[in-house]
Structures are given as structure tokens and as C-alpha cells.
């Protein structure tokens, strides 16, 4: 379905919409449980973060 959208920017926005919804749900649950959410640069998402 998304492959048939020819405008690159619109296709990207449609693709990202699901991830934004998931991010909002995670942030809401974190607030509910008093946990913090750390946003990281997606460019470096494959690196392993040290335990702190």
C-alpha cells in the first residue's frame, strides 16, 4: 500500500505515523509508572549502551 504513494515526503510521514503512536504509548505508560524515557539519536541505535 505505502509503496504506491509516489511523494517521498508523504510516504515517509505515513511510515513514521505508527512509530510516533508507539512512542506516545510508551511515554504514557512510563509516566503512569513513574519511569523515565530516554530519547536517543536514531543514527546510533545499534550501539550498546553501558549499564549505569
C-alpha atoms as a PDB file:
ATOM      1  CA  UNK A   1       0.000   0.000   0.000  1.00  0.00           C
ATOM      2  CA  UNK A   2       2.619   2.556   1.024  1.00  0.00           C
ATOM      3  CA  UNK A   3       4.762   1.725  -1.997  1.00  0.00           C
ATOM      4  CA  UNK A   4       2.060   3.150  -4.258  1.00  0.00           C
ATOM      5  CA  UNK A   5       2.433   6.627  -2.676  1.00  0.00           C
ATOM      6  CA  UNK A   6       4.742   8.461  -5.064  1.00  0.00           C
ATOM      7  CA  UNK A   7       5.507  11.540  -2.939  1.00  0.00           C
ATOM      8  CA  UNK A   8       8.571  10.637  -0.870  1.00  0.00           C
ATOM      9  CA  UNK A   9       7.774  13.018   1.993  1.00  0.00           C
ATOM     10  CA  UNK A  10       4.180  11.823   2.288  1.00  0.00           C
ATOM     11  CA  UNK A  11       5.293   8.180   2.172  1.00  0.00           C
ATOM     12  CA  UNK A  12       7.806   8.864   4.962  1.00  0.00           C
ATOM     13  CA  UNK A  13       5.182  10.596   7.112  1.00  0.00           C
ATOM     14  CA  UNK A  14       2.772   7.677   6.687  1.00  0.00           C
ATOM     15  CA  UNK A  15       5.531   5.214   7.583  1.00  0.00           C
ATOM     16  CA  UNK A  16       6.566   7.182  10.690  1.00  0.00           C
ATOM     17  CA  UNK A  17       2.999   7.611  11.997  1.00  0.00           C
ATOM     18  CA  UNK A  18       2.954   4.124  13.521  1.00  0.00           C
ATOM     19  CA  UNK A  19       6.240   4.687  15.311  1.00  0.00           C
ATOM     20  CA  UNK A  20       5.070   8.011  16.761  1.00  0.00           C
ATOM     21  CA  UNK A  21       1.956   6.314  18.134  1.00  0.00           C
ATOM     22  CA  UNK A  22       4.067   3.612  19.751  1.00  0.00           C
ATOM     23  CA  UNK A  23       6.408   6.238  21.205  1.00  0.00           C
ATOM     24  CA  UNK A  24       3.486   8.150  22.726  1.00  0.00           C
ATOM     25  CA  UNK A  25       2.062   4.956  24.256  1.00  0.00           C
ATOM     26  CA  UNK A  26       5.438   4.075  25.807  1.00  0.00           C
ATOM     27  CA  UNK A  27       5.840   7.592  27.215  1.00  0.00           C
ATOM     28  CA  UNK A  28       2.336   7.492  28.682  1.00  0.00           C
ATOM     29  CA  UNK A  29       2.941   4.146  30.402  1.00  0.00           C
ATOM     30  CA  UNK A  30       6.292   5.360  31.699  1.00  0.00           C
ATOM     31  CA  UNK A  31       4.619   8.397  33.279  1.00  0.00           C
ATOM     32  CA  UNK A  32       1.939   6.124  34.739  1.00  0.00           C
ATOM     33  CA  UNK A  33       4.597   4.004  36.462  1.00  0.00           C
ATOM     34  CA  UNK A  34       6.921   6.895  37.346  1.00  0.00           C
ATOM     35  CA  UNK A  35       9.674   5.716  34.991  1.00  0.00           C
ATOM     36  CA  UNK A  36      11.739   7.945  32.747  1.00  0.00           C
ATOM     37  CA  UNK A  37      12.105   7.625  28.986  1.00  0.00           C
ATOM     38  CA  UNK A  38      15.468   8.417  27.414  1.00  0.00           C
ATOM     39  CA  UNK A  39      15.398   9.508  23.781  1.00  0.00           C
ATOM     40  CA  UNK A  40      18.499   8.558  21.813  1.00  0.00           C
ATOM     41  CA  UNK A  41      19.766   9.607  18.405  1.00  0.00           C
ATOM     42  CA  UNK A  42      18.389   7.050  15.910  1.00  0.00           C
ATOM     43  CA  UNK A  43      21.638   7.251  13.967  1.00  0.00           C
ATOM     44  CA  UNK A  44      23.393   5.461  16.820  1.00  0.00           C
ATOM     45  CA  UNK A  45      20.623   2.992  17.689  1.00  0.00           C
ATOM     46  CA  UNK A  46      22.754  -0.083  17.003  1.00  0.00           C
ATOM     47  CA  UNK A  47      25.340   0.739  19.659  1.00  0.00           C
ATOM     48  CA  UNK A  48      25.045  -0.985  23.024  1.00  0.00           C
ATOM     49  CA  UNK A  49      24.502   1.404  25.930  1.00  0.00           C
ATOM     50  CA  UNK A  50      26.515   0.707  29.092  1.00  0.00           C
ATOM     51  CA  UNK A  51      24.686  -0.170  32.287  1.00  0.00           C
ATOM     52  CA  UNK A  52      24.502   2.807  34.610  1.00  0.00           C
END
